Amino acid sequence: MAEKFIELRGVHVRVGGKTILSDVSFYAERGEILAVIGGSGAGKTTCLRVMTGQIRPVRGEVQVAGIDAVRDREKLEHVLGYVPQLDETGLYYEFSAIRNACLFARMYGIPAREAKRRAREILEVLGFRSEELMKKPVGQLSGGERKRVSICVGLIHEPQVLLLDEPTTGLDAHLRVDVLNYLRNINRQYGVTMGIVSHDLETAEFCDRVAVLEKGHVVIFGNPKEFVRSIQAKYAFILSFEKLTDNDISKIKSLRIVTKVLPVGRRTLKVFIRKIEEPLNVLVDELEKVGLTPLSVTSSDITFTDYFRLTAMEKEEEPYFPRSH
């Protein structure tokens, strides 16, 4: 049986008489990446502070790399790495990426030569391919590059668990994906267990497990791929129409090849299709039979964000936090 390396069990947190977390439970096994996702006020930052030992829950258990984070907080120092949301709180902008990493390594008693070796190795995995980039002052780097320096600093003492607070906040779409891909590469190369706190549903696509929080409760927990499979679709297409009525949408939902229909814009739908031969041709034919001709049809991936939005729509609820970008 795999070892649980991050685990919250029945965690309850109250601050100033207000309940922030109520019976929160989730976990990640050794070597996995866990996403803890929620909007403002959902409780994700409190979860992070509980995992780092900064907040003591009124009840419940918290284990990080086999250490009781409630009773043995001081033992977390050498097994836990942390990447803050704001790079300026954790980096010296006038120093290079390598020097930043070496300065933090000194806090752990790591010899300078070994620290420099580790820093170079980690930065290379994070896409720093040139000596010039490694030695450029952090203040002159792009937002995505600075975030990767923060990740390097968090890894310099070779922690068993790395916790990251909103690592993609403030980055453009392609940079968000780059950072998440780099994290996945680090996870695979070093086997470090990761916990990523984020408001962005897109993060779940890069993780092994996801816990979605709303108002201090876990509303979804599990493997994102399993949730996507529950849509029971093999293909998805974005359809736009000149006009689209509720009756038209009902017709599309009733098609034999369609499993789900999700509104994604004005007169635009994402339609999920079961496994069939030539799905696009069959879909267009089926639409024509019910008198519908789309202006455009575009193939699309099926994502955890789709699952979340479909679930919210079926409950006739508005998601508690902003949709993924």
C-alpha atoms as a PDB file:
ATOM      1  CA  MET A   1       0.000   0.000   0.000  1.00  0.00           C
ATOM      2  CA  ALA A   2       1.381   3.395  -1.009  1.00  0.00           C
ATOM      3  CA  GLU A   3       2.444   5.768   1.749  1.00  0.00           C
ATOM      4  CA  LYS A   4       0.392   8.918   2.287  1.00  0.00           C
ATOM      5  CA  PHE A   5       2.866  11.794   2.288  1.00  0.00           C
ATOM      6  CA  ILE A   6       0.471  14.710   2.713  1.00  0.00           C
ATOM      7  CA  GLU A   7      -2.664  14.021   4.710  1.00  0.00           C
ATOM      8  CA  LEU A   8      -5.361  16.023   6.452  1.00  0.00           C
ATOM      9  CA  ARG A   9      -7.947  13.986   8.384  1.00  0.00           C
ATOM     10  CA  GLY A  10     -11.055  15.628   9.809  1.00  0.00           C
ATOM     11  CA  VAL A  11      -9.354  18.998  10.189  1.00  0.00           C
ATOM     12  CA  HIS A  12     -11.412  21.722  11.828  1.00  0.00           C
ATOM     13  CA  VAL A  13     -10.070  25.283  12.148  1.00  0.00           C
ATOM     14  CA  ARG A  14     -11.642  28.226  13.930  1.00  0.00           C
ATOM     15  CA  VAL A  15     -10.211  31.741  13.900  1.00  0.00           C
ATOM     16  CA  GLY A  16     -11.722  34.486  16.025  1.00  0.00           C
ATOM     17  CA  GLY A  17     -14.829  32.397  16.677  1.00  0.00           C
ATOM     18  CA  LYS A  18     -15.385  31.786  12.957  1.00  0.00           C
ATOM     19  CA  THR A  19     -15.129  28.330  11.391  1.00  0.00           C
ATOM     20  CA  ILE A  20     -12.645  28.439   8.495  1.00  0.00           C
ATOM     21  CA  LEU A  21     -12.261  24.696   7.838  1.00  0.00           C
ATOM     22  CA  SER A  22     -14.858  22.075   8.700  1.00  0.00           C
ATOM     23  CA  ASP A  23     -14.015  18.351   8.660  1.00  0.00           C
ATOM     24  CA  VAL A  24     -11.465  18.742   5.833  1.00  0.00           C
ATOM     25  CA  SER A  25      -9.832  15.518   4.640  1.00  0.00           C
ATOM     26  CA  PHE A  26      -7.583  14.859   1.647  1.00  0.00           C
ATOM     27  CA  TYR A  27      -4.220  13.288   0.906  1.00  0.00           C
ATOM     28  CA  ALA A  28      -1.416  12.719  -1.575  1.00  0.00           C
ATOM     29  CA  GLU A  29       0.699   9.593  -1.740  1.00  0.00           C
ATOM     30  CA  ARG A  30       4.485   9.697  -1.905  1.00  0.00           C
ATOM     31  CA  GLY A  31       5.664  11.153  -5.228  1.00  0.00           C
ATOM     32  CA  GLU A  32       2.266  12.558  -6.240  1.00  0.00           C
ATOM     33  CA  ILE A  33       1.164  16.099  -7.013  1.00  0.00           C
ATOM     34  CA  LEU A  34      -1.893  17.328  -5.123  1.00  0.00           C
ATOM     35  CA  ALA A  35      -3.893  20.403  -6.130  1.00  0.00           C
ATOM     36  CA  VAL A  36      -5.872  22.213  -3.420  1.00  0.00           C
ATOM     37  CA  ILE A  37      -8.213  24.514  -5.337  1.00  0.00           C
ATOM     38  CA  GLY A  38     -10.683  27.131  -4.204  1.00  0.00           C
ATOM     39  CA  GLY A  39     -11.661  30.747  -4.470  1.00  0.00           C
ATOM     40  CA  SER A  40     -11.269  33.602  -2.028  1.00  0.00           C
ATOM     41  CA  GLY A  41     -12.614  32.514   1.348  1.00  0.00           C
ATOM     42  CA  ALA A  42     -12.773  28.826   0.432  1.00  0.00           C
ATOM     43  CA  GLY A  43     -10.093  27.867   2.961  1.00  0.00           C
ATOM     44  CA  LYS A  44      -7.206  26.828   0.716  1.00  0.00           C
ATOM     45  CA  THR A  45      -4.678  29.231   2.290  1.00  0.00           C
ATOM     46  CA  THR A  46      -5.680  27.993   5.730  1.00  0.00           C
ATOM     47  CA  CYS A  47      -5.035  24.428   4.533  1.00  0.00           C
ATOM     48  CA  LEU A  48      -1.561  25.509   3.440  1.00  0.00           C
ATOM     49  CA  ARG A  49      -0.852  27.078   6.826  1.00  0.00           C
ATOM     50  CA  VAL A  50      -2.085  23.946   8.551  1.00  0.00           C
ATOM     51  CA  MET A  51       0.262  21.805   6.433  1.00  0.00           C
ATOM     52  CA  THR A  52       3.236  24.044   7.277  1.00  0.00           C
ATOM     53  CA  GLY A  53       2.403  23.998  10.964  1.00  0.00           C
ATOM     54  CA  GLN A  54       1.569  27.718  11.128  1.00  0.00           C
ATOM     55  CA  ILE A  55      -2.020  27.093  12.245  1.00  0.00           C
ATOM     56  CA  ARG A  56      -3.040  24.504  14.825  1.00  0.00           C
ATOM     57  CA  PRO A  57      -6.473  23.001  14.123  1.00  0.00           C
ATOM     58  CA  VAL A  58      -8.944  22.645  16.990  1.00  0.00           C
ATOM     59  CA  ARG A  59      -9.313  19.023  15.949  1.00  0.00           C
ATOM     60  CA  GLY A  60      -8.107  16.659  13.258  1.00  0.00           C
ATOM     61  CA  GLU A  61      -4.762  15.225  12.182  1.00  0.00           C
ATOM     62  CA  VAL A  62      -2.126  16.607   9.805  1.00  0.00           C
ATOM     63  CA  GLN A  63       0.753  14.487   8.525  1.00  0.00           C
ATOM     64  CA  VAL A  64       3.523  15.714   6.200  1.00  0.00           C
ATOM     65  CA  ALA A  65       6.249  13.243   5.169  1.00  0.00           C
ATOM     66  CA  GLY A  66       5.364  11.105   8.183  1.00  0.00           C
ATOM     67  CA  ILE A  67       5.657  14.026  10.614  1.00  0.00           C
ATOM     68  CA  ASP A  68       2.804  15.221  12.794  1.00  0.00           C
ATOM     69  CA  ALA A  69       2.576  18.869  11.708  1.00  0.00           C
ATOM     70  CA  VAL A  70       0.526  19.748  14.808  1.00  0.00           C
ATOM     71  CA  ARG A  71       2.752  18.254  17.507  1.00  0.00           C
ATOM     72  CA  ASP A  72       6.183  18.227  15.801  1.00  0.00           C
ATOM     73  CA  ARG A  73       6.213  21.417  13.754  1.00  0.00           C
ATOM     74  CA  GLU A  74       9.968  21.988  14.275  1.00  0.00           C
ATOM     75  CA  LYS A  75      10.709  18.666  12.540  1.00  0.00           C
ATOM     76  CA  LEU A  76       9.117  19.922   9.313  1.00  0.00           C
ATOM     77  CA  GLU A  77      12.029  22.255   8.533  1.00  0.00           C
ATOM     78  CA  HIS A  78      14.241  19.695   6.810  1.00  0.00           C
ATOM     79  CA  VAL A  79      11.529  17.679   5.028  1.00  0.00           C
ATOM     80  CA  LEU A  80       9.440  20.588   3.755  1.00  0.00           C
ATOM     81  CA  GLY A  81      10.081  23.122   0.993  1.00  0.00           C
ATOM     82  CA  TYR A  82       7.868  26.164   0.462  1.00  0.00           C
ATOM     83  CA  VAL A  83       7.318  28.490  -2.509  1.00  0.00           C
ATOM     84  CA  PRO A  84       5.403  31.685  -1.559  1.00  0.00           C
ATOM     85  CA  GLN A  85       2.865  33.343  -3.820  1.00  0.00           C
ATOM     86  CA  LEU A  86       4.796  36.622  -4.017  1.00  0.00           C
ATOM     87  CA  ASP A  87       8.356  36.185  -5.280  1.00  0.00           C
ATOM     88  CA  GLU A  88       9.487  39.454  -3.704  1.00  0.00           C
ATOM     89  CA  THR A  89       8.873  37.989  -0.236  1.00  0.00           C
ATOM     90  CA  GLY A  90      11.273  35.119  -0.835  1.00  0.00           C
ATOM     91  CA  LEU A  91      13.924  36.347  -3.287  1.00  0.00           C
ATOM     92  CA  TYR A  92      16.734  38.903  -3.335  1.00  0.00           C
ATOM     93  CA  TYR A  93      16.109  40.764  -6.594  1.00  0.00           C
ATOM     94  CA  GLU A  94      19.625  42.197  -6.815  1.00  0.00           C
ATOM     95  CA  PHE A  95      21.226  38.724  -6.772  1.00  0.00           C
ATOM     96  CA  SER A  96      21.310  36.039  -9.453  1.00  0.00           C
ATOM     97  CA  ALA A  97      19.257  32.850  -9.432  1.00  0.00           C
ATOM     98  CA  ILE A  98      22.257  30.791  -8.356  1.00  0.00           C
ATOM     99  CA  ARG A  99      23.243  33.191  -5.581  1.00  0.00           C
ATOM    100  CA  ASN A 100      19.675  33.264  -4.263  1.00  0.00           C
ATOM    101  CA  ALA A 101      19.656  29.472  -4.067  1.00  0.00           C
ATOM    102  CA  CYS A 102      23.085  29.380  -2.398  1.00  0.00           C
ATOM    103  CA  LEU A 103      22.047  31.939   0.222  1.00  0.00           C
ATOM    104  CA  PHE A 104      19.079  29.824   1.229  1.00  0.00           C
ATOM    105  CA  ALA A 105      21.204  26.675   1.145  1.00  0.00           C
ATOM    106  CA  ARG A 106      23.483  28.253   3.735  1.00  0.00           C
ATOM    107  CA  MET A 107      20.543  28.296   6.182  1.00  0.00           C
ATOM    108  CA  TYR A 108      20.523  24.499   6.003  1.00  0.00           C
ATOM    109  CA  GLY A 109      24.294  24.148   6.415  1.00  0.00           C
ATOM    110  CA  ILE A 110      24.814  23.001   2.823  1.00  0.00           C
ATOM    111  CA  PRO A 111      28.424  23.641   1.647  1.00  0.00           C
ATOM    112  CA  ALA A 112      28.753  26.349  -1.018  1.00  0.00           C
ATOM    113  CA  ARG A 113      30.116  24.017  -3.723  1.00  0.00           C
ATOM    114  CA  GLU A 114      27.308  21.489  -3.196  1.00  0.00           C
ATOM    115  CA  ALA A 115      24.697  24.264  -3.115  1.00  0.00           C
ATOM    116  CA  LYS A 116      25.943  25.647  -6.421  1.00  0.00           C
ATOM    117  CA  ARG A 117      25.887  22.175  -7.989  1.00  0.00           C
ATOM    118  CA  ARG A 118      22.322  21.561  -6.824  1.00  0.00           C
ATOM    119  CA  ALA A 119      21.197  25.022  -7.957  1.00  0.00           C
ATOM    120  CA  ARG A 120      22.578  24.529 -11.471  1.00  0.00           C
ATOM    121  CA  GLU A 121      21.013  21.095 -11.766  1.00  0.00           C
ATOM    122  CA  ILE A 122      17.576  22.245 -10.614  1.00  0.00           C
ATOM    123  CA  LEU A 123      17.656  25.413 -12.734  1.00  0.00           C
ATOM    124  CA  GLU A 124      18.491  23.353 -15.822  1.00  0.00           C
ATOM    125  CA  VAL A 125      15.446  21.152 -15.198  1.00  0.00           C
ATOM    126  CA  LEU A 126      13.458  24.384 -14.808  1.00  0.00           C
ATOM    127  CA  GLY A 127      14.553  25.591 -18.238  1.00  0.00           C
ATOM    128  CA  PHE A 128      17.539  27.823 -17.398  1.00  0.00           C
ATOM    129  CA  ARG A 129      19.743  26.663 -20.259  1.00  0.00           C
ATOM    130  CA  SER A 130      22.396  29.386 -20.304  1.00  0.00           C
ATOM    131  CA  GLU A 131      24.999  30.656 -17.867  1.00  0.00           C
ATOM    132  CA  GLU A 132      23.895  34.191 -18.674  1.00  0.00           C
ATOM    133  CA  LEU A 133      20.344  33.492 -17.499  1.00  0.00           C
ATOM    134  CA  MET A 134      21.507  31.784 -14.312  1.00  0.00           C
ATOM    135  CA  LYS A 135      23.692  34.777 -13.420  1.00  0.00           C
ATOM    136  CA  LYS A 136      21.286  37.570 -14.397  1.00  0.00           C
ATOM    137  CA  PRO A 137      19.879  39.550 -11.436  1.00  0.00           C
ATOM    138  CA  VAL A 138      16.481  38.161 -10.492  1.00  0.00           C
ATOM    139  CA  GLY A 139      14.952  41.632 -10.803  1.00  0.00           C
ATOM    140  CA  GLN A 140      15.729  41.554 -14.542  1.00  0.00           C
ATOM    141  CA  LEU A 141      13.997  38.203 -15.124  1.00  0.00           C
ATOM    142  CA  SER A 142      10.461  37.733 -16.416  1.00  0.00           C
ATOM    143  CA  GLY A 143       7.629  36.796 -14.062  1.00  0.00           C
ATOM    144  CA  GLY A 144       7.739  33.169 -15.175  1.00  0.00           C
ATOM    145  CA  GLU A 145      11.520  33.016 -14.736  1.00  0.00           C
ATOM    146  CA  ARG A 146      11.314  34.511 -11.236  1.00  0.00           C
ATOM    147  CA  LYS A 147       8.713  31.926 -10.293  1.00  0.00           C
ATOM    148  CA  ARG A 148      11.091  29.182 -11.396  1.00  0.00           C
ATOM    149  CA  VAL A 149      13.868  30.702  -9.259  1.00  0.00           C
ATOM    150  CA  SER A 150      11.474  30.561  -6.287  1.00  0.00           C
ATOM    151  CA  ILE A 151      10.872  26.881  -7.027  1.00  0.00           C
ATOM    152  CA  CYS A 152      14.637  26.282  -7.153  1.00  0.00           C
ATOM    153  CA  VAL A 153      15.066  27.972  -3.765  1.00  0.00           C
ATOM    154  CA  GLY A 154      12.279  25.814  -2.322  1.00  0.00           C
ATOM    155  CA  LEU A 155      14.039  22.670  -3.559  1.00  0.00           C
ATOM    156  CA  ILE A 156      17.649  23.537  -2.686  1.00  0.00           C
ATOM    157  CA  HIS A 157      17.691  21.539   0.579  1.00  0.00           C
ATOM    158  CA  GLU A 158      16.188  18.479  -1.172  1.00  0.00           C
ATOM    159  CA  PRO A 159      12.874  18.409   0.710  1.00  0.00           C
ATOM    160  CA  GLN A 160      10.595  15.391   0.582  1.00  0.00           C
ATOM    161  CA  VAL A 161       7.524  17.619   0.200  1.00  0.00           C
ATOM    162  CA  LEU A 162       7.240  20.926  -1.690  1.00  0.00           C
ATOM    163  CA  LEU A 163       4.267  23.213  -1.004  1.00  0.00           C
ATOM    164  CA  LEU A 164       3.509  26.009  -3.459  1.00  0.00           C
ATOM    165  CA  ASP A 165       1.165  28.940  -2.861  1.00  0.00           C
ATOM    166  CA  GLU A 166      -0.542  30.094  -6.098  1.00  0.00           C
ATOM    167  CA  PRO A 167       2.511  29.412  -8.334  1.00  0.00           C
ATOM    168  CA  THR A 168       0.716  30.556 -11.518  1.00  0.00           C
ATOM    169  CA  THR A 169      -0.923  33.746 -10.227  1.00  0.00           C
ATOM    170  CA  GLY A 170      -0.207  36.804 -12.371  1.00  0.00           C
ATOM    171  CA  LEU A 171       1.239  34.795 -15.274  1.00  0.00           C
ATOM    172  CA  ASP A 172      -0.044  34.779 -18.843  1.00  0.00           C
ATOM    173  CA  ALA A 173      -1.770  31.605 -20.050  1.00  0.00           C
ATOM    174  CA  HIS A 174       1.274  30.104 -21.798  1.00  0.00           C
ATOM    175  CA  LEU A 175       3.506  30.899 -18.801  1.00  0.00           C
ATOM    176  CA  ARG A 176       1.043  29.238 -16.421  1.00  0.00           C
ATOM    177  CA  VAL A 177       1.236  26.064 -18.479  1.00  0.00           C
ATOM    178  CA  ASP A 178       5.047  26.335 -18.656  1.00  0.00           C
ATOM    179  CA  VAL A 179       5.367  26.595 -14.858  1.00  0.00           C
ATOM    180  CA  LEU A 180       3.022  23.647 -14.295  1.00  0.00           C
ATOM    181  CA  ASN A 181       4.944  21.562 -16.831  1.00  0.00           C
ATOM    182  CA  TYR A 182       8.233  22.447 -15.118  1.00  0.00           C
ATOM    183  CA  LEU A 183       6.747  21.374 -11.785  1.00  0.00           C
ATOM    184  CA  ARG A 184       5.701  18.075 -13.318  1.00  0.00           C
ATOM    185  CA  ASN A 185       9.247  17.592 -14.644  1.00  0.00           C
ATOM    186  CA  ILE A 186      10.706  18.300 -11.189  1.00  0.00           C
ATOM    187  CA  ASN A 187       8.224  15.865  -9.654  1.00  0.00           C
ATOM    188  CA  ARG A 188       9.224  13.103 -12.068  1.00  0.00           C
ATOM    189  CA  GLN A 189      12.962  13.709 -11.883  1.00  0.00           C
ATOM    190  CA  TYR A 190      13.304  14.090  -8.106  1.00  0.00           C
ATOM    191  CA  GLY A 191      10.259  12.191  -6.847  1.00  0.00           C
ATOM    192  CA  VAL A 192       9.312  15.093  -4.575  1.00  0.00           C
ATOM    193  CA  THR A 193       5.707  15.089  -3.376  1.00  0.00           C
ATOM    194  CA  MET A 194       3.982  18.401  -4.142  1.00  0.00           C
ATOM    195  CA  GLY A 195       1.008  20.308  -2.820  1.00  0.00           C
ATOM    196  CA  ILE A 196      -0.121  23.166  -5.074  1.00  0.00           C
ATOM    197  CA  VAL A 197      -2.609  25.673  -3.654  1.00  0.00           C
ATOM    198  CA  SER A 198      -4.421  27.506  -6.450  1.00  0.00           C
ATOM    199  CA  HIS A 199      -7.604  29.295  -7.456  1.00  0.00           C
ATOM    200  CA  ASP A 200      -7.242  27.959 -10.994  1.00  0.00           C
ATOM    201  CA  LEU A 201      -9.086  24.762 -12.002  1.00  0.00           C
ATOM    202  CA  GLU A 202      -6.581  24.321 -14.838  1.00  0.00           C
ATOM    203  CA  THR A 203      -3.977  23.288 -12.245  1.00  0.00           C
ATOM    204  CA  ALA A 204      -5.792  19.976 -11.691  1.00  0.00           C
ATOM    205  CA  GLU A 205      -4.853  18.840 -15.217  1.00  0.00           C
ATOM    206  CA  PHE A 206      -1.218  18.526 -14.097  1.00  0.00           C
ATOM    207  CA  CYS A 207      -1.898  16.755 -10.811  1.00  0.00           C
ATOM    208  CA  ASP A 208      -2.514  13.230  -9.549  1.00  0.00           C
ATOM    209  CA  ARG A 209      -5.159  14.285  -7.032  1.00  0.00           C
ATOM    210  CA  VAL A 210      -7.356  17.332  -6.580  1.00  0.00           C
ATOM    211  CA  ALA A 211      -9.246  18.673  -3.569  1.00  0.00           C
ATOM    212  CA  VAL A 212     -11.759  21.420  -4.346  1.00  0.00           C
ATOM    213  CA  LEU A 213     -12.797  23.586  -1.396  1.00  0.00           C
ATOM    214  CA  GLU A 214     -15.895  25.714  -1.052  1.00  0.00           C
ATOM    215  CA  LYS A 215     -16.663  27.671   2.127  1.00  0.00           C
ATOM    216  CA  GLY A 216     -14.314  25.559   4.237  1.00  0.00           C
ATOM    217  CA  HIS A 217     -15.570  22.193   3.003  1.00  0.00           C
ATOM    218  CA  VAL A 218     -14.087  19.677   0.550  1.00  0.00           C
ATOM    219  CA  VAL A 219     -16.675  19.303  -2.212  1.00  0.00           C
ATOM    220  CA  ILE A 220     -14.563  17.258  -4.636  1.00  0.00           C
ATOM    221  CA  PHE A 221     -11.594  15.007  -3.926  1.00  0.00           C
ATOM    222  CA  GLY A 222      -9.990  12.378  -6.105  1.00  0.00           C
ATOM    223  CA  ASN A 223      -8.093  11.686  -9.316  1.00  0.00           C
ATOM    224  CA  PRO A 224      -8.876  14.355 -11.949  1.00  0.00           C
ATOM    225  CA  LYS A 225      -8.673  11.782 -14.745  1.00  0.00           C
ATOM    226  CA  GLU A 226     -11.370   9.667 -13.092  1.00  0.00           C
ATOM    227  CA  PHE A 227     -13.674  12.676 -12.875  1.00  0.00           C
ATOM    228  CA  VAL A 228     -13.065  13.389 -16.564  1.00  0.00           C
ATOM    229  CA  ARG A 229     -13.866   9.761 -17.433  1.00  0.00           C
ATOM    230  CA  SER A 230     -17.192  10.118 -15.629  1.00  0.00           C
ATOM    231  CA  ILE A 231     -18.324  12.464 -18.418  1.00  0.00           C
ATOM    232  CA  GLN A 232     -18.393   9.248 -20.510  1.00  0.00           C
ATOM    233  CA  ALA A 233     -17.181  10.963 -23.641  1.00  0.00           C
ATOM    234  CA  LYS A 234     -14.327  10.260 -26.000  1.00  0.00           C
ATOM    235  CA  TYR A 235     -14.499  13.507 -27.984  1.00  0.00           C
ATOM    236  CA  ALA A 236     -15.551  17.108 -27.455  1.00  0.00           C
ATOM    237  CA  PHE A 237     -16.391  19.835 -29.960  1.00  0.00           C
ATOM    238  CA  ILE A 238     -17.025  23.572 -29.591  1.00  0.00           C
ATOM    239  CA  LEU A 239     -20.057  24.566 -31.666  1.00  0.00           C
ATOM    240  CA  SER A 240     -21.079  28.137 -32.424  1.00  0.00           C
ATOM    241  CA  PHE A 241     -24.449  29.081 -33.899  1.00  0.00           C
ATOM    242  CA  GLU A 242     -25.997  32.158 -35.457  1.00  0.00           C
ATOM    243  CA  LYS A 243     -28.866  31.761 -32.989  1.00  0.00           C
ATOM    244  CA  LEU A 244     -29.416  29.278 -30.205  1.00  0.00           C
ATOM    245  CA  THR A 245     -32.593  28.702 -28.177  1.00  0.00           C
ATOM    246  CA  ASP A 246     -33.263  26.534 -25.139  1.00  0.00           C
ATOM    247  CA  ASN A 247     -35.214  24.236 -27.448  1.00  0.00           C
ATOM    248  CA  ASP A 248     -32.161  23.921 -29.731  1.00  0.00           C
ATOM    249  CA  ILE A 249     -30.017  22.943 -26.768  1.00  0.00           C
ATOM    250  CA  SER A 250     -32.583  20.324 -25.753  1.00  0.00           C
ATOM    251  CA  LYS A 251     -32.434  18.867 -29.267  1.00  0.00           C
ATOM    252  CA  ILE A 252     -28.651  18.592 -29.074  1.00  0.00           C
ATOM    253  CA  LYS A 253     -28.807  16.930 -25.641  1.00  0.00           C
ATOM    254  CA  SER A 254     -31.210  14.334 -27.023  1.00  0.00           C
ATOM    255  CA  LEU A 255     -28.875  13.220 -29.815  1.00  0.00           C
ATOM    256  CA  ARG A 256     -27.881   9.540 -29.383  1.00  0.00           C
ATOM    257  CA  ILE A 257     -24.150  10.301 -29.653  1.00  0.00           C
ATOM    258  CA  VAL A 258     -24.124  13.146 -27.114  1.00  0.00           C
ATOM    259  CA  THR A 259     -23.336  12.521 -23.425  1.00  0.00           C
ATOM    260  CA  LYS A 260     -23.219  16.113 -22.121  1.00  0.00           C
ATOM    261  CA  VAL A 261     -23.712  19.686 -23.322  1.00  0.00           C
ATOM    262  CA  LEU A 262     -21.994  22.669 -21.689  1.00  0.00           C
ATOM    263  CA  PRO A 263     -22.663  26.336 -22.552  1.00  0.00           C
ATOM    264  CA  VAL A 264     -19.292  28.075 -22.963  1.00  0.00           C
ATOM    265  CA  GLY A 265     -20.249  31.419 -24.462  1.00  0.00           C
ATOM    266  CA  ARG A 266     -22.933  33.375 -26.234  1.00  0.00           C
ATOM    267  CA  ARG A 267     -24.538  31.000 -28.741  1.00  0.00           C
ATOM    268  CA  THR A 268     -21.621  28.605 -28.177  1.00  0.00           C
ATOM    269  CA  LEU A 269     -21.691  25.089 -26.725  1.00  0.00           C
ATOM    270  CA  LYS A 270     -19.174  22.428 -25.837  1.00  0.00           C
ATOM    271  CA  VAL A 271     -20.674  19.099 -26.858  1.00  0.00           C
ATOM    272  CA  PHE A 272     -19.332  15.797 -25.533  1.00  0.00           C
ATOM    273  CA  ILE A 273     -19.515  12.762 -27.816  1.00  0.00           C
ATOM    274  CA  ARG A 274     -19.320   9.086 -26.928  1.00  0.00           C
ATOM    275  CA  LYS A 275     -16.794   6.815 -28.658  1.00  0.00           C
ATOM    276  CA  ILE A 276     -17.879   6.366 -32.283  1.00  0.00           C
ATOM    277  CA  GLU A 277     -16.313   6.194 -35.739  1.00  0.00           C
ATOM    278  CA  GLU A 278     -15.923   9.543 -37.542  1.00  0.00           C
ATOM    279  CA  PRO A 279     -17.417  11.580 -34.681  1.00  0.00           C
ATOM    280  CA  LEU A 280     -17.295  14.959 -36.443  1.00  0.00           C
ATOM    281  CA  ASN A 281     -19.111  13.735 -39.568  1.00  0.00           C
ATOM    282  CA  VAL A 282     -21.715  11.905 -37.492  1.00  0.00           C
ATOM    283  CA  LEU A 283     -22.261  14.947 -35.261  1.00  0.00           C
ATOM    284  CA  VAL A 284     -22.826  17.286 -38.198  1.00  0.00           C
ATOM    285  CA  ASP A 285     -25.221  14.783 -39.794  1.00  0.00           C
ATOM    286  CA  GLU A 286     -27.178  14.392 -36.552  1.00  0.00           C
ATOM    287  CA  LEU A 287     -27.423  18.164 -36.131  1.00  0.00           C
ATOM    288  CA  GLU A 288     -28.746  18.578 -39.658  1.00  0.00           C
ATOM    289  CA  LYS A 289     -31.433  15.978 -38.979  1.00  0.00           C
ATOM    290  CA  VAL A 290     -32.840  18.173 -36.191  1.00  0.00           C
ATOM    291  CA  GLY A 291     -32.536  21.343 -38.264  1.00  0.00           C
ATOM    292  CA  LEU A 292     -29.362  22.797 -36.761  1.00  0.00           C
ATOM    293  CA  THR A 293     -26.341  24.002 -38.714  1.00  0.00           C
ATOM    294  CA  PRO A 294     -23.396  25.341 -36.697  1.00  0.00           C
ATOM    295  CA  LEU A 295     -21.377  28.299 -37.947  1.00  0.00           C
ATOM    296  CA  SER A 296     -18.188  26.586 -36.780  1.00  0.00           C
ATOM    297  CA  VAL A 297     -17.076  23.315 -35.197  1.00  0.00           C
ATOM    298  CA  THR A 298     -13.752  23.024 -33.364  1.00  0.00           C
ATOM    299  CA  SER A 299     -12.259  19.969 -31.708  1.00  0.00           C
ATOM    300  CA  SER A 300     -11.462  20.408 -27.995  1.00  0.00           C
ATOM    301  CA  ASP A 301      -9.884  18.518 -25.090  1.00  0.00           C
ATOM    302  CA  ILE A 302     -12.024  17.154 -22.268  1.00  0.00           C
ATOM    303  CA  THR A 303     -10.802  18.617 -18.970  1.00  0.00           C
ATOM    304  CA  PHE A 304     -11.397  18.609 -15.228  1.00  0.00           C
ATOM    305  CA  THR A 305     -12.738  22.151 -15.619  1.00  0.00           C
ATOM    306  CA  ASP A 306     -15.482  20.709 -17.848  1.00  0.00           C
ATOM    307  CA  TYR A 307     -16.377  18.178 -15.154  1.00  0.00           C
ATOM    308  CA  PHE A 308     -16.539  20.883 -12.487  1.00  0.00           C
ATOM    309  CA  ARG A 309     -18.710  23.202 -14.556  1.00  0.00           C
ATOM    310  CA  LEU A 310     -21.021  20.378 -15.642  1.00  0.00           C
ATOM    311  CA  THR A 311     -21.445  19.315 -12.020  1.00  0.00           C
ATOM    312  CA  ALA A 312     -22.222  22.874 -10.927  1.00  0.00           C
ATOM    313  CA  MET A 313     -24.675  23.293 -13.814  1.00  0.00           C
ATOM    314  CA  GLU A 314     -26.484  20.040 -13.017  1.00  0.00           C
ATOM    315  CA  LYS A 315     -26.851  21.189  -9.395  1.00  0.00           C
ATOM    316  CA  GLU A 316     -28.122  24.516 -10.746  1.00  0.00           C
ATOM    317  CA  GLU A 317     -25.436  26.264  -8.712  1.00  0.00           C
ATOM    318  CA  GLU A 318     -22.945  28.952  -9.546  1.00  0.00           C
ATOM    319  CA  PRO A 319     -19.350  27.848  -8.819  1.00  0.00           C
ATOM    320  CA  TYR A 320     -18.120  29.491  -5.632  1.00  0.00           C
ATOM    321  CA  PHE A 321     -14.939  30.725  -7.262  1.00  0.00           C
ATOM    322  CA  PRO A 322     -13.900  32.070 -10.669  1.00  0.00           C
ATOM    323  CA  ARG A 323     -13.668  29.742 -13.590  1.00  0.00           C
ATOM    324  CA  SER A 324     -10.329  28.649 -14.957  1.00  0.00           C
ATOM    325  CA  HIS A 325      -8.753  31.023 -17.486  1.00  0.00           C
END
